[in-house]
Amino acid sequence: MSTFTQMRELTFLLGDIIFAKVPRTEEVLKWRIPFYSCNGWLCYLNPKKDHVEIGFLKGAELQPEFPQLLSEGKVVRRLIIDSSDSTDAELVATILQRTIELNSFKRRKNKRQSFKNSAFLFNYL
């Protein structure tokens, strides 16, 4: 089996893990790679020649908790997966869970802020 075929299968396996751990996940193709969201962006899968990158779009907020994440710019952090090891799957699932918690927290915070703004406007109408 070629390396390309192995990385393709690994990409599909990681996608299945994402859908299994986060059932409400939506998948969108952007720039020819799959992006996943649930109440906000979760991650993307970028298959390379000899590994698959999982980019976490809120990775900078996750990095103190998960030092395995590699830096890429100001916000995105990535994890390199080169085999279908179960410890990698567990790590991905844990990081995804934490990302969902961040998305939920930010969503609640934004709703409260918009409520405060609408209450402010209502008082002056």
PDB file of N, CA and C in Angstrom:
ATOM      1  N   MET A   1       0.849  -1.173   0.000  1.00  0.00           N
ATOM      2  CA  MET A   1       0.000   0.000   0.000  1.00  0.00           C
ATOM      3  C   MET A   1       0.899   1.243   0.000  1.00  0.00           C
ATOM      4  N   SER A   2       0.565   2.191  -0.830  1.00  0.00           N
ATOM      5  CA  SER A   2       1.385   3.396  -0.936  1.00  0.00           C
ATOM      6  C   SER A   2       1.160   4.330   0.246  1.00  0.00           C
ATOM      7  N   THR A   3       2.114   5.215   0.434  1.00  0.00           N
ATOM      8  CA  THR A   3       2.003   6.195   1.510  1.00  0.00           C
ATOM      9  C   THR A   3       0.793   7.095   1.293  1.00  0.00           C
ATOM     10  N   PHE A   4       0.532   7.468   0.039  1.00  0.00           N
ATOM     11  CA  PHE A   4      -0.627   8.312  -0.266  1.00  0.00           C
ATOM     12  C   PHE A   4      -1.919   7.632   0.171  1.00  0.00           C
ATOM     13  N   THR A   5      -2.049   6.351  -0.131  1.00  0.00           N
ATOM     14  CA  THR A   5      -3.243   5.599   0.246  1.00  0.00           C
ATOM     15  C   THR A   5      -3.357   5.508   1.766  1.00  0.00           C
ATOM     16  N   GLN A   6      -2.244   5.300   2.450  1.00  0.00           N
ATOM     17  CA  GLN A   6      -2.260   5.229   3.912  1.00  0.00           C
ATOM     18  C   GLN A   6      -2.704   6.563   4.522  1.00  0.00           C
ATOM     19  N   MET A   7      -2.196   7.676   3.997  1.00  0.00           N
ATOM     20  CA  MET A   7      -2.563   8.987   4.538  1.00  0.00           C
ATOM     21  C   MET A   7      -4.018   9.317   4.223  1.00  0.00           C
ATOM     22  N   ARG A   8      -4.488   8.862   3.084  1.00  0.00           N
ATOM     23  CA  ARG A   8      -5.901   9.068   2.738  1.00  0.00           C
ATOM     24  C   ARG A   8      -6.794   8.300   3.711  1.00  0.00           C
ATOM     25  N   GLU A   9      -6.456   7.053   3.983  1.00  0.00           N
ATOM     26  CA  GLU A   9      -7.222   6.252   4.938  1.00  0.00           C
ATOM     27  C   GLU A   9      -7.148   6.851   6.341  1.00  0.00           C
ATOM     28  N   LEU A  10      -5.971   7.360   6.709  1.00  0.00           N
ATOM     29  CA  LEU A  10      -5.817   7.992   8.018  1.00  0.00           C
ATOM     30  C   LEU A  10      -6.682   9.255   8.110  1.00  0.00           C
ATOM     31  N   THR A  11      -6.767  10.009   7.027  1.00  0.00           N
ATOM     32  CA  THR A  11      -7.625  11.203   6.996  1.00  0.00           C
ATOM     33  C   THR A  11      -9.081  10.816   7.196  1.00  0.00           C
ATOM     34  N   PHE A  12      -9.535   9.774   6.517  1.00  0.00           N
ATOM     35  CA  PHE A  12     -10.916   9.306   6.684  1.00  0.00           C
ATOM     36  C   PHE A  12     -11.149   8.799   8.113  1.00  0.00           C
ATOM     37  N   LEU A  13     -10.178   8.101   8.661  1.00  0.00           N
ATOM     38  CA  LEU A  13     -10.290   7.603  10.036  1.00  0.00           C
ATOM     39  C   LEU A  13     -10.422   8.764  11.022  1.00  0.00           C
ATOM     40  N   LEU A  14      -9.597   9.796  10.861  1.00  0.00           N
ATOM     41  CA  LEU A  14      -9.684  10.963  11.738  1.00  0.00           C
ATOM     42  C   LEU A  14     -11.022  11.686  11.578  1.00  0.00           C
ATOM     43  N   GLY A  15     -11.516  11.769  10.349  1.00  0.00           N
ATOM     44  CA  GLY A  15     -12.847  12.351  10.128  1.00  0.00           C
ATOM     45  C   GLY A  15     -13.925  11.552  10.851  1.00  0.00           C
ATOM     46  N   ASP A  16     -13.819  10.221  10.802  1.00  0.00           N
ATOM     47  CA  ASP A  16     -14.777   9.367  11.520  1.00  0.00           C
ATOM     48  C   ASP A  16     -14.697   9.588  13.024  1.00  0.00           C
ATOM     49  N   ILE A  17     -13.475   9.769  13.544  1.00  0.00           N
ATOM     50  CA  ILE A  17     -13.305  10.038  14.974  1.00  0.00           C
ATOM     51  C   ILE A  17     -13.982  11.355  15.341  1.00  0.00           C
ATOM     52  N   ILE A  18     -13.802  12.366  14.502  1.00  0.00           N
ATOM     53  CA  ILE A  18     -14.426  13.667  14.771  1.00  0.00           C
ATOM     54  C   ILE A  18     -15.946  13.524  14.816  1.00  0.00           C
ATOM     55  N   PHE A  19     -16.517  12.828  13.840  1.00  0.00           N
ATOM     56  CA  PHE A  19     -17.972  12.653  13.808  1.00  0.00           C
ATOM     57  C   PHE A  19     -18.471  11.783  14.960  1.00  0.00           C
ATOM     58  N   ALA A  20     -17.671  10.807  15.381  1.00  0.00           N
ATOM     59  CA  ALA A  20     -18.080   9.938  16.491  1.00  0.00           C
ATOM     60  C   ALA A  20     -18.053  10.690  17.816  1.00  0.00           C
ATOM     61  N   LYS A  21     -17.054  11.525  18.020  1.00  0.00           N
ATOM     62  CA  LYS A  21     -16.917  12.247  19.289  1.00  0.00           C
ATOM     63  C   LYS A  21     -17.804  13.489  19.360  1.00  0.00           C
ATOM     64  N   VAL A  22     -18.105  14.063  18.203  1.00  0.00           N
ATOM     65  CA  VAL A  22     -18.926  15.277  18.152  1.00  0.00           C
ATOM     66  C   VAL A  22     -20.034  15.059  17.118  1.00  0.00           C
ATOM     67  N   PRO A  23     -21.141  14.427  17.516  1.00  0.00           N
ATOM     68  CA  PRO A  23     -22.183  14.051  16.553  1.00  0.00           C
ATOM     69  C   PRO A  23     -22.799  15.215  15.777  1.00  0.00           C
ATOM     70  N   ARG A  24     -22.803  16.414  16.348  1.00  0.00           N
ATOM     71  CA  ARG A  24     -23.419  17.570  15.673  1.00  0.00           C
ATOM     72  C   ARG A  24     -22.449  18.294  14.742  1.00  0.00           C
ATOM     73  N   THR A  25     -21.353  17.670  14.444  1.00  0.00           N
ATOM     74  CA  THR A  25     -20.319  18.293  13.616  1.00  0.00           C
ATOM     75  C   THR A  25     -20.793  18.480  12.183  1.00  0.00           C
ATOM     76  N   GLU A  26     -20.418  19.614  11.623  1.00  0.00           N
ATOM     77  CA  GLU A  26     -20.654  19.883  10.204  1.00  0.00           C
ATOM     78  C   GLU A  26     -19.302  19.902   9.500  1.00  0.00           C
ATOM     79  N   GLU A  27     -19.276  19.346   8.289  1.00  0.00           N
ATOM     80  CA  GLU A  27     -18.043  19.291   7.496  1.00  0.00           C
ATOM     81  C   GLU A  27     -18.204  20.177   6.271  1.00  0.00           C
ATOM     82  N   VAL A  28     -17.190  21.002   6.015  1.00  0.00           N
ATOM     83  CA  VAL A  28     -17.199  21.903   4.870  1.00  0.00           C
ATOM     84  C   VAL A  28     -15.840  21.815   4.196  1.00  0.00           C
ATOM     85  N   LEU A  29     -15.828  21.781   2.871  1.00  0.00           N
ATOM     86  CA  LEU A  29     -14.548  21.799   2.151  1.00  0.00           C
ATOM     87  C   LEU A  29     -14.163  23.239   1.857  1.00  0.00           C
ATOM     88  N   LYS A  30     -12.979  23.636   2.333  1.00  0.00           N
ATOM     89  CA  LYS A  30     -12.428  24.952   2.047  1.00  0.00           C
ATOM     90  C   LYS A  30     -10.983  24.742   1.634  1.00  0.00           C
ATOM     91  N   TRP A  31     -10.591  25.402   0.584  1.00  0.00           N
ATOM     92  CA  TRP A  31      -9.221  25.275   0.081  1.00  0.00           C
ATOM     93  C   TRP A  31      -8.840  23.809  -0.134  1.00  0.00           C
ATOM     94  N   ARG A  32      -9.821  23.016  -0.540  1.00  0.00           N
ATOM     95  CA  ARG A  32      -9.659  21.603  -0.897  1.00  0.00           C
ATOM     96  C   ARG A  32      -9.322  20.693   0.284  1.00  0.00           C
ATOM     97  N   ILE A  33      -9.592  21.148   1.510  1.00  0.00           N
ATOM     98  CA  ILE A  33      -9.410  20.301   2.689  1.00  0.00           C
ATOM     99  C   ILE A  33     -10.656  20.405   3.577  1.00  0.00           C
ATOM    100  N   PRO A  34     -10.966  19.347   4.322  1.00  0.00           N
ATOM    101  CA  PRO A  34     -12.175  19.379   5.169  1.00  0.00           C
ATOM    102  C   PRO A  34     -11.967  20.191   6.451  1.00  0.00           C
ATOM    103  N   PHE A  35     -12.931  21.068   6.716  1.00  0.00           N
ATOM    104  CA  PHE A  35     -12.997  21.834   7.960  1.00  0.00           C
ATOM    105  C   PHE A  35     -14.215  21.348   8.721  1.00  0.00           C
ATOM    106  N   TYR A  36     -14.119  21.315  10.041  1.00  0.00           N
ATOM    107  CA  TYR A  36     -15.198  20.811  10.894  1.00  0.00           C
ATOM    108  C   TYR A  36     -15.620  21.894  11.875  1.00  0.00           C
ATOM    109  N   SER A  37     -16.945  22.007  12.079  1.00  0.00           N
ATOM    110  CA  SER A  37     -17.443  23.014  13.010  1.00  0.00           C
ATOM    111  C   SER A  37     -18.569  22.445  13.862  1.00  0.00           C
ATOM    112  N   CYS A  38     -18.711  23.028  15.046  1.00  0.00           N
ATOM    113  CA  CYS A  38     -19.804  22.729  15.965  1.00  0.00           C
ATOM    114  C   CYS A  38     -19.900  23.920  16.919  1.00  0.00           C
ATOM    115  N   ASN A  39     -20.879  24.770  16.717  1.00  0.00           N
ATOM    116  CA  ASN A  39     -20.993  26.031  17.466  1.00  0.00           C
ATOM    117  C   ASN A  39     -19.753  26.900  17.280  1.00  0.00           C
ATOM    118  N   GLY A  40     -19.117  26.791  16.164  1.00  0.00           N
ATOM    119  CA  GLY A  40     -17.874  27.500  15.867  1.00  0.00           C
ATOM    120  C   GLY A  40     -16.892  26.513  15.257  1.00  0.00           C
ATOM    121  N   TRP A  41     -15.820  27.025  14.689  1.00  0.00           N
ATOM    122  CA  TRP A  41     -14.840  26.154  14.036  1.00  0.00           C
ATOM    123  C   TRP A  41     -14.097  25.301  15.047  1.00  0.00           C
ATOM    124  N   LEU A  42     -13.931  24.016  14.684  1.00  0.00           N
ATOM    125  CA  LEU A  42     -13.194  23.071  15.523  1.00  0.00           C
ATOM    126  C   LEU A  42     -11.789  22.857  14.986  1.00  0.00           C
ATOM    127  N   CYS A  43     -11.714  22.314  13.759  1.00  0.00           N
ATOM    128  CA  CYS A  43     -10.415  21.931  13.224  1.00  0.00           C
ATOM    129  C   CYS A  43     -10.504  21.713  11.722  1.00  0.00           C
ATOM    130  N   TYR A  44      -9.366  21.423  11.136  1.00  0.00           N
ATOM    131  CA  TYR A  44      -9.306  20.994   9.743  1.00  0.00           C
ATOM    132  C   TYR A  44      -8.338  19.826   9.645  1.00  0.00           C
ATOM    133  N   LEU A  45      -8.484  19.033   8.586  1.00  0.00           N
ATOM    134  CA  LEU A  45      -7.573  17.916   8.310  1.00  0.00           C
ATOM    135  C   LEU A  45      -6.841  18.223   7.018  1.00  0.00           C
ATOM    136  N   ASN A  46      -5.525  18.204   7.071  1.00  0.00           N
ATOM    137  CA  ASN A  46      -4.722  18.499   5.899  1.00  0.00           C
ATOM    138  C   ASN A  46      -3.771  17.329   5.638  1.00  0.00           C
ATOM    139  N   PRO A  47      -4.151  16.422   4.719  1.00  0.00           N
ATOM    140  CA  PRO A  47      -3.278  15.278   4.437  1.00  0.00           C
ATOM    141  C   PRO A  47      -2.024  15.720   3.689  1.00  0.00           C
ATOM    142  N   LYS A  48      -0.898  15.241   4.157  1.00  0.00           N
ATOM    143  CA  LYS A  48       0.398  15.510   3.527  1.00  0.00           C
ATOM    144  C   LYS A  48       0.955  14.187   3.005  1.00  0.00           C
ATOM    145  N   LYS A  49       2.154  14.226   2.482  1.00  0.00           N
ATOM    146  CA  LYS A  49       2.757  13.043   1.887  1.00  0.00           C
ATOM    147  C   LYS A  49       2.979  11.911   2.891  1.00  0.00           C
ATOM    148  N   ASP A  50       3.453  12.248   4.101  1.00  0.00           N
ATOM    149  CA  ASP A  50       3.780  11.202   5.071  1.00  0.00           C
ATOM    150  C   ASP A  50       3.105  11.380   6.431  1.00  0.00           C
ATOM    151  N   HIS A  51       2.143  12.313   6.528  1.00  0.00           N
ATOM    152  CA  HIS A  51       1.406  12.515   7.769  1.00  0.00           C
ATOM    153  C   HIS A  51       0.118  13.291   7.481  1.00  0.00           C
ATOM    154  N   VAL A  52      -0.716  13.427   8.490  1.00  0.00           N
ATOM    155  CA  VAL A  52      -1.923  14.245   8.390  1.00  0.00           C
ATOM    156  C   VAL A  52      -1.829  15.305   9.473  1.00  0.00           C
ATOM    157  N   GLU A  53      -2.029  16.561   9.073  1.00  0.00           N
ATOM    158  CA  GLU A  53      -2.063  17.648  10.039  1.00  0.00           C
ATOM    159  C   GLU A  53      -3.500  17.877  10.478  1.00  0.00           C
ATOM    160  N   ILE A  54      -3.695  17.992  11.777  1.00  0.00           N
ATOM    161  CA  ILE A  54      -4.983  18.436  12.301  1.00  0.00           C
ATOM    162  C   ILE A  54      -4.736  19.832  12.831  1.00  0.00           C
ATOM    163  N   GLY A  55      -5.355  20.810  12.198  1.00  0.00           N
ATOM    164  CA  GLY A  55      -5.193  22.191  12.632  1.00  0.00           C
ATOM    165  C   GLY A  55      -6.363  22.587  13.511  1.00  0.00           C
ATOM    166  N   PHE A  56      -6.060  23.055  14.705  1.00  0.00           N
ATOM    167  CA  PHE A  56      -7.104  23.515  15.626  1.00  0.00           C
ATOM    168  C   PHE A  56      -7.166  25.033  15.546  1.00  0.00           C
ATOM    169  N   LEU A  57      -8.324  25.547  15.147  1.00  0.00           N
ATOM    170  CA  LEU A  57      -8.457  26.956  14.850  1.00  0.00           C
ATOM    171  C   LEU A  57      -8.461  27.841  16.088  1.00  0.00           C
ATOM    172  N   LYS A  58      -8.652  27.274  17.249  1.00  0.00           N
ATOM    173  CA  LYS A  58      -8.517  28.008  18.507  1.00  0.00           C
ATOM    174  C   LYS A  58      -7.329  27.439  19.293  1.00  0.00           C
ATOM    175  N   GLY A  59      -6.349  26.980  18.573  1.00  0.00           N
ATOM    176  CA  GLY A  59      -5.221  26.277  19.166  1.00  0.00           C
ATOM    177  C   GLY A  59      -4.388  27.092  20.127  1.00  0.00           C
ATOM    178  N   ALA A  60      -4.275  28.393  19.898  1.00  0.00           N
ATOM    179  CA  ALA A  60      -3.472  29.217  20.805  1.00  0.00           C
ATOM    180  C   ALA A  60      -4.053  29.188  22.212  1.00  0.00           C
ATOM    181  N   GLU A  61      -5.375  29.106  22.321  1.00  0.00           N
ATOM    182  CA  GLU A  61      -6.018  29.024  23.631  1.00  0.00           C
ATOM    183  C   GLU A  61      -5.858  27.637  24.251  1.00  0.00           C
ATOM    184  N   LEU A  62      -5.607  26.631  23.417  1.00  0.00           N
ATOM    185  CA  LEU A  62      -5.472  25.252  23.882  1.00  0.00           C
ATOM    186  C   LEU A  62      -4.034  24.862  24.204  1.00  0.00           C
ATOM    187  N   GLN A  63      -3.068  25.574  23.658  1.00  0.00           N
ATOM    188  CA  GLN A  63      -1.675  25.148  23.755  1.00  0.00           C
ATOM    189  C   GLN A  63      -1.153  25.017  25.188  1.00  0.00           C
ATOM    190  N   PRO A  64      -1.514  25.902  26.126  1.00  0.00           N
ATOM    191  CA  PRO A  64      -1.014  25.686  27.488  1.00  0.00           C
ATOM    192  C   PRO A  64      -1.441  24.334  28.078  1.00  0.00           C
ATOM    193  N   GLU A  65      -2.627  23.901  27.696  1.00  0.00           N
ATOM    194  CA  GLU A  65      -3.161  22.630  28.193  1.00  0.00           C
ATOM    195  C   GLU A  65      -2.607  21.432  27.416  1.00  0.00           C
ATOM    196  N   PHE A  66      -2.281  21.654  26.140  1.00  0.00           N
ATOM    197  CA  PHE A  66      -1.808  20.589  25.252  1.00  0.00           C
ATOM    198  C   PHE A  66      -0.501  21.021  24.581  1.00  0.00           C
ATOM    199  N   PRO A  67       0.632  20.809  25.242  1.00  0.00           N
ATOM    200  CA  PRO A  67       1.914  21.250  24.673  1.00  0.00           C
ATOM    201  C   PRO A  67       2.317  20.498  23.407  1.00  0.00           C
ATOM    202  N   GLN A  68       1.603  19.420  23.062  1.00  0.00           N
ATOM    203  CA  GLN A  68       1.905  18.673  21.836  1.00  0.00           C
ATOM    204  C   GLN A  68       1.548  19.482  20.586  1.00  0.00           C
ATOM    205  N   LEU A  69       0.711  20.505  20.738  1.00  0.00           N
ATOM    206  CA  LEU A  69       0.299  21.307  19.592  1.00  0.00           C
ATOM    207  C   LEU A  69       1.457  22.185  19.127  1.00  0.00           C
ATOM    208  N   LEU A  70       1.676  22.178  17.821  1.00  0.00           N
ATOM    209  CA  LEU A  70       2.757  22.955  17.222  1.00  0.00           C
ATOM    210  C   LEU A  70       2.229  24.314  16.782  1.00  0.00           C
ATOM    211  N   SER A  71       3.056  25.320  16.901  1.00  0.00           N
ATOM    212  CA  SER A  71       2.654  26.683  16.582  1.00  0.00           C
ATOM    213  C   SER A  71       2.590  26.895  15.073  1.00  0.00           C
ATOM    214  N   GLU A  72       1.578  27.646  14.664  1.00  0.00           N
ATOM    215  CA  GLU A  72       1.434  28.031  13.256  1.00  0.00           C
ATOM    216  C   GLU A  72       0.689  29.354  13.230  1.00  0.00           C
ATOM    217  N   GLY A  73       1.396  30.440  13.218  1.00  0.00           N
ATOM    218  CA  GLY A  73       0.754  31.747  13.216  1.00  0.00           C
ATOM    219  C   GLY A  73       0.299  32.153  14.609  1.00  0.00           C
ATOM    220  N   LYS A  74      -0.609  33.127  14.655  1.00  0.00           N
ATOM    221  CA  LYS A  74      -1.043  33.673  15.928  1.00  0.00           C
ATOM    222  C   LYS A  74      -2.091  32.823  16.632  1.00  0.00           C
ATOM    223  N   VAL A  75      -2.945  32.147  15.874  1.00  0.00           N
ATOM    224  CA  VAL A  75      -4.099  31.480  16.477  1.00  0.00           C
ATOM    225  C   VAL A  75      -4.094  29.964  16.275  1.00  0.00           C
ATOM    226  N   VAL A  76      -3.789  29.521  15.087  1.00  0.00           N
ATOM    227  CA  VAL A  76      -3.882  28.101  14.736  1.00  0.00           C
ATOM    228  C   VAL A  76      -2.717  27.313  15.341  1.00  0.00           C
ATOM    229  N   ARG A  77      -3.049  26.137  15.865  1.00  0.00           N
ATOM    230  CA  ARG A  77      -2.033  25.185  16.320  1.00  0.00           C
ATOM    231  C   ARG A  77      -2.350  23.851  15.678  1.00  0.00           C
ATOM    232  N   ARG A  78      -1.316  23.081  15.383  1.00  0.00           N
ATOM    233  CA  ARG A  78      -1.550  21.829  14.653  1.00  0.00           C
ATOM    234  C   ARG A  78      -0.934  20.652  15.377  1.00  0.00           C
ATOM    235  N   LEU A  79      -1.477  19.510  15.053  1.00  0.00           N
ATOM    236  CA  LEU A  79      -1.010  18.245  15.599  1.00  0.00           C
ATOM    237  C   LEU A  79      -0.672  17.361  14.403  1.00  0.00           C
ATOM    238  N   ILE A  80       0.487  16.734  14.435  1.00  0.00           N
ATOM    239  CA  ILE A  80       0.920  15.858  13.339  1.00  0.00           C
ATOM    240  C   ILE A  80       0.595  14.419  13.720  1.00  0.00           C
ATOM    241  N   ILE A  81      -0.155  13.753  12.846  1.00  0.00           N
ATOM    242  CA  ILE A  81      -0.518  12.348  13.047  1.00  0.00           C
ATOM    243  C   ILE A  81       0.079  11.557  11.885  1.00  0.00           C
ATOM    244  N   ASP A  82       0.885  10.549  12.214  1.00  0.00           N
ATOM    245  CA  ASP A  82       1.494   9.755  11.137  1.00  0.00           C
ATOM    246  C   ASP A  82       1.129   8.280  11.190  1.00  0.00           C
ATOM    247  N   SER A  83       0.266   7.916  12.140  1.00  0.00           N
ATOM    248  CA  SER A  83      -0.212   6.530  12.183  1.00  0.00           C
ATOM    249  C   SER A  83      -1.580   6.517  12.851  1.00  0.00           C
ATOM    250  N   SER A  84      -2.248   5.394  12.780  1.00  0.00           N
ATOM    251  CA  SER A  84      -3.585   5.280  13.378  1.00  0.00           C
ATOM    252  C   SER A  84      -3.487   4.740  14.804  1.00  0.00           C
ATOM    253  N   ASP A  85      -2.569   5.294  15.567  1.00  0.00           N
ATOM    254  CA  ASP A  85      -2.345   4.884  16.955  1.00  0.00           C
ATOM    255  C   ASP A  85      -3.527   5.318  17.825  1.00  0.00           C
ATOM    256  N   SER A  86      -3.943   4.457  18.756  1.00  0.00           N
ATOM    257  CA  SER A  86      -5.109   4.769  19.586  1.00  0.00           C
ATOM    258  C   SER A  86      -4.839   5.926  20.539  1.00  0.00           C
ATOM    259  N   THR A  87      -3.578   6.127  20.961  1.00  0.00           N
ATOM    260  CA  THR A  87      -3.284   7.257  21.839  1.00  0.00           C
ATOM    261  C   THR A  87      -3.469   8.576  21.109  1.00  0.00           C
ATOM    262  N   ASP A  88      -3.162   8.591  19.807  1.00  0.00           N
ATOM    263  CA  ASP A  88      -3.416   9.788  18.996  1.00  0.00           C
ATOM    264  C   ASP A  88      -4.909  10.061  18.923  1.00  0.00           C
ATOM    265  N   ALA A  89      -5.700   9.021  18.739  1.00  0.00           N
ATOM    266  CA  ALA A  89      -7.154   9.179  18.662  1.00  0.00           C
ATOM    267  C   ALA A  89      -7.711   9.728  19.972  1.00  0.00           C
ATOM    268  N   GLU A  90      -7.194   9.249  21.091  1.00  0.00           N
ATOM    269  CA  GLU A  90      -7.649   9.740  22.392  1.00  0.00           C
ATOM    270  C   GLU A  90      -7.259  11.202  22.593  1.00  0.00           C
ATOM    271  N   LEU A  91      -6.065  11.562  22.164  1.00  0.00           N
ATOM    272  CA  LEU A  91      -5.614  12.945  22.286  1.00  0.00           C
ATOM    273  C   LEU A  91      -6.488  13.864  21.427  1.00  0.00           C
ATOM    274  N   VAL A  92      -6.750  13.451  20.195  1.00  0.00           N
ATOM    275  CA  VAL A  92      -7.602  14.241  19.304  1.00  0.00           C
ATOM    276  C   VAL A  92      -8.986  14.423  19.923  1.00  0.00           C
ATOM    277  N   ALA A  93      -9.559  13.353  20.457  1.00  0.00           N
ATOM    278  CA  ALA A  93     -10.882  13.429  21.081  1.00  0.00           C
ATOM    279  C   ALA A  93     -10.878  14.391  22.268  1.00  0.00           C
ATOM    280  N   THR A  94      -9.827  14.362  23.073  1.00  0.00           N
ATOM    281  CA  THR A  94      -9.727  15.250  24.234  1.00  0.00           C
ATOM    282  C   THR A  94      -9.617  16.708  23.799  1.00  0.00           C
ATOM    283  N   ILE A  95      -8.787  16.971  22.803  1.00  0.00           N
ATOM    284  CA  ILE A  95      -8.629  18.346  22.313  1.00  0.00           C
ATOM    285  C   ILE A  95      -9.935  18.840  21.694  1.00  0.00           C
ATOM    286  N   LEU A  96     -10.620  17.975  20.946  1.00  0.00           N
ATOM    287  CA  LEU A  96     -11.909  18.361  20.362  1.00  0.00           C
ATOM    288  C   LEU A  96     -12.916  18.731  21.446  1.00  0.00           C
ATOM    289  N   GLN A  97     -12.971  17.933  22.493  1.00  0.00           N
ATOM    290  CA  GLN A  97     -13.900  18.213  23.589  1.00  0.00           C
ATOM    291  C   GLN A  97     -13.609  19.571  24.210  1.00  0.00           C
ATOM    292  N   ARG A  98     -12.343  19.857  24.413  1.00  0.00           N
ATOM    293  CA  ARG A  98     -11.958  21.141  24.998  1.00  0.00           C
ATOM    294  C   ARG A  98     -12.290  22.293  24.053  1.00  0.00           C
ATOM    295  N   THR A  99     -12.125  22.091  22.740  1.00  0.00           N
ATOM    296  CA  THR A  99     -12.461  23.117  21.753  1.00  0.00           C
ATOM    297  C   THR A  99     -13.958  23.403  21.765  1.00  0.00           C
ATOM    298  N   ILE A 100     -14.769  22.361  21.888  1.00  0.00           N
ATOM    299  CA  ILE A 100     -16.224  22.546  21.961  1.00  0.00           C
ATOM    300  C   ILE A 100     -16.587  23.356  23.201  1.00  0.00           C
ATOM    301  N   GLU A 101     -15.923  23.061  24.315  1.00  0.00           N
ATOM    302  CA  GLU A 101     -16.177  23.831  25.538  1.00  0.00           C
ATOM    303  C   GLU A 101     -15.830  25.305  25.327  1.00  0.00           C
ATOM    304  N   LEU A 102     -14.724  25.583  24.649  1.00  0.00           N
ATOM    305  CA  LEU A 102     -14.351  26.972  24.355  1.00  0.00           C
ATOM    306  C   LEU A 102     -15.396  27.637  23.468  1.00  0.00           C
ATOM    307  N   ASN A 103     -15.856  26.921  22.432  1.00  0.00           N
ATOM    308  CA  ASN A 103     -16.878  27.466  21.540  1.00  0.00           C
ATOM    309  C   ASN A 103     -18.157  27.784  22.306  1.00  0.00           C
ATOM    310  N   SER A 104     -18.572  26.888  23.186  1.00  0.00           N
ATOM    311  CA  SER A 104     -19.800  27.094  23.955  1.00  0.00           C
ATOM    312  C   SER A 104     -19.650  28.286  24.896  1.00  0.00           C
ATOM    313  N   PHE A 105     -18.501  28.397  25.546  1.00  0.00           N
ATOM    314  CA  PHE A 105     -18.266  29.506  26.469  1.00  0.00           C
ATOM    315  C   PHE A 105     -18.306  30.835  25.721  1.00  0.00           C
ATOM    316  N   LYS A 106     -17.635  30.905  24.574  1.00  0.00           N
ATOM    317  CA  LYS A 106     -17.614  32.154  23.807  1.00  0.00           C
ATOM    318  C   LYS A 106     -18.992  32.490  23.264  1.00  0.00           C
ATOM    319  N   ARG A 107     -19.748  31.468  22.892  1.00  0.00           N
ATOM    320  CA  ARG A 107     -21.099  31.702  22.371  1.00  0.00           C
ATOM    321  C   ARG A 107     -21.992  32.284  23.467  1.00  0.00           C
ATOM    322  N   ARG A 108     -21.934  31.713  24.677  1.00  0.00           N
ATOM    323  CA  ARG A 108     -22.726  32.242  25.794  1.00  0.00           C
ATOM    324  C   ARG A 108     -22.305  33.664  26.127  1.00  0.00           C
ATOM    325  N   LYS A 109     -21.016  33.922  26.101  1.00  0.00           N
ATOM    326  CA  LYS A 109     -20.498  35.248  26.410  1.00  0.00           C
ATOM    327  C   LYS A 109     -21.009  36.260  25.387  1.00  0.00           C
ATOM    328  N   ASN A 110     -20.987  35.898  24.099  1.00  0.00           N
ATOM    329  CA  ASN A 110     -21.474  36.791  23.048  1.00  0.00           C
ATOM    330  C   ASN A 110     -22.972  37.039  23.187  1.00  0.00           C
ATOM    331  N   LYS A 111     -23.743  36.017  23.556  1.00  0.00           N
ATOM    332  CA  LYS A 111     -25.180  36.205  23.735  1.00  0.00           C
ATOM    333  C   LYS A 111     -25.450  37.172  24.880  1.00  0.00           C
ATOM    334  N   ARG A 112     -24.719  37.028  25.981  1.00  0.00           N
ATOM    335  CA  ARG A 112     -24.901  37.940  27.111  1.00  0.00           C
ATOM    336  C   ARG A 112     -24.560  39.364  26.704  1.00  0.00           C
ATOM    337  N   GLN A 113     -23.499  39.516  25.955  1.00  0.00           N
ATOM    338  CA  GLN A 113     -23.086  40.852  25.524  1.00  0.00           C
ATOM    339  C   GLN A 113     -24.143  41.472  24.622  1.00  0.00           C
ATOM    340  N   SER A 114     -24.695  40.712  23.680  1.00  0.00           N
ATOM    341  CA  SER A 114     -25.714  41.257  22.793  1.00  0.00           C
ATOM    342  C   SER A 114     -26.982  41.579  23.571  1.00  0.00           C
ATOM    343  N   PHE A 115     -27.290  40.782  24.600  1.00  0.00           N
ATOM    344  CA  PHE A 115     -28.450  41.072  25.436  1.00  0.00           C
ATOM    345  C   PHE A 115     -28.243  42.395  26.173  1.00  0.00           C
ATOM    346  N   LYS A 116     -27.039  42.611  26.697  1.00  0.00           N
ATOM    347  CA  LYS A 116     -26.749  43.869  27.391  1.00  0.00           C
ATOM    348  C   LYS A 116     -26.905  45.046  26.437  1.00  0.00           C
ATOM    349  N   ASN A 117     -26.409  44.892  25.208  1.00  0.00           N
ATOM    350  CA  ASN A 117     -26.512  45.971  24.230  1.00  0.00           C
ATOM    351  C   ASN A 117     -27.963  46.255  23.871  1.00  0.00           C
ATOM    352  N   SER A 118     -28.782  45.213  23.696  1.00  0.00           N
ATOM    353  CA  SER A 118     -30.184  45.430  23.342  1.00  0.00           C
ATOM    354  C   SER A 118     -30.933  46.057  24.506  1.00  0.00           C
ATOM    355  N   ALA A 119     -30.601  45.685  25.744  1.00  0.00           N
ATOM    356  CA  ALA A 119     -31.248  46.287  26.913  1.00  0.00           C
ATOM    357  C   ALA A 119     -30.862  47.762  27.001  1.00  0.00           C
ATOM    358  N   PHE A 120     -29.620  48.071  26.692  1.00  0.00           N
ATOM    359  CA  PHE A 120     -29.156  49.454  26.701  1.00  0.00           C
ATOM    360  C   PHE A 120     -29.950  50.276  25.686  1.00  0.00           C
ATOM    361  N   LEU A 121     -30.099  49.748  24.482  1.00  0.00           N
ATOM    362  CA  LEU A 121     -30.834  50.470  23.444  1.00  0.00           C
ATOM    363  C   LEU A 121     -32.308  50.612  23.809  1.00  0.00           C
ATOM    364  N   PHE A 122     -32.874  49.577  24.403  1.00  0.00           N
ATOM    365  CA  PHE A 122     -34.291  49.602  24.760  1.00  0.00           C
ATOM    366  C   PHE A 122     -34.576  50.715  25.765  1.00  0.00           C
ATOM    367  N   ASN A 123     -33.668  50.972  26.680  1.00  0.00           N
ATOM    368  CA  ASN A 123     -33.863  52.020  27.679  1.00  0.00           C
ATOM    369  C   ASN A 123     -33.898  53.397  27.053  1.00  0.00           C
ATOM    370  N   TYR A 124     -33.273  53.575  25.899  1.00  0.00           N
ATOM    371  CA  TYR A 124     -33.199  54.894  25.281  1.00  0.00           C
ATOM    372  C   TYR A 124     -34.150  55.075  24.117  1.00  0.00           C
ATOM    373  N   LEU A 125     -35.039  54.142  23.884  1.00  0.00           N
ATOM    374  CA  LEU A 125     -36.005  54.279  22.791  1.00  0.00           C
ATOM    375  C   LEU A 125     -37.261  54.960  23.255  1.00  0.00           C
TER     376      LEU A 125
END
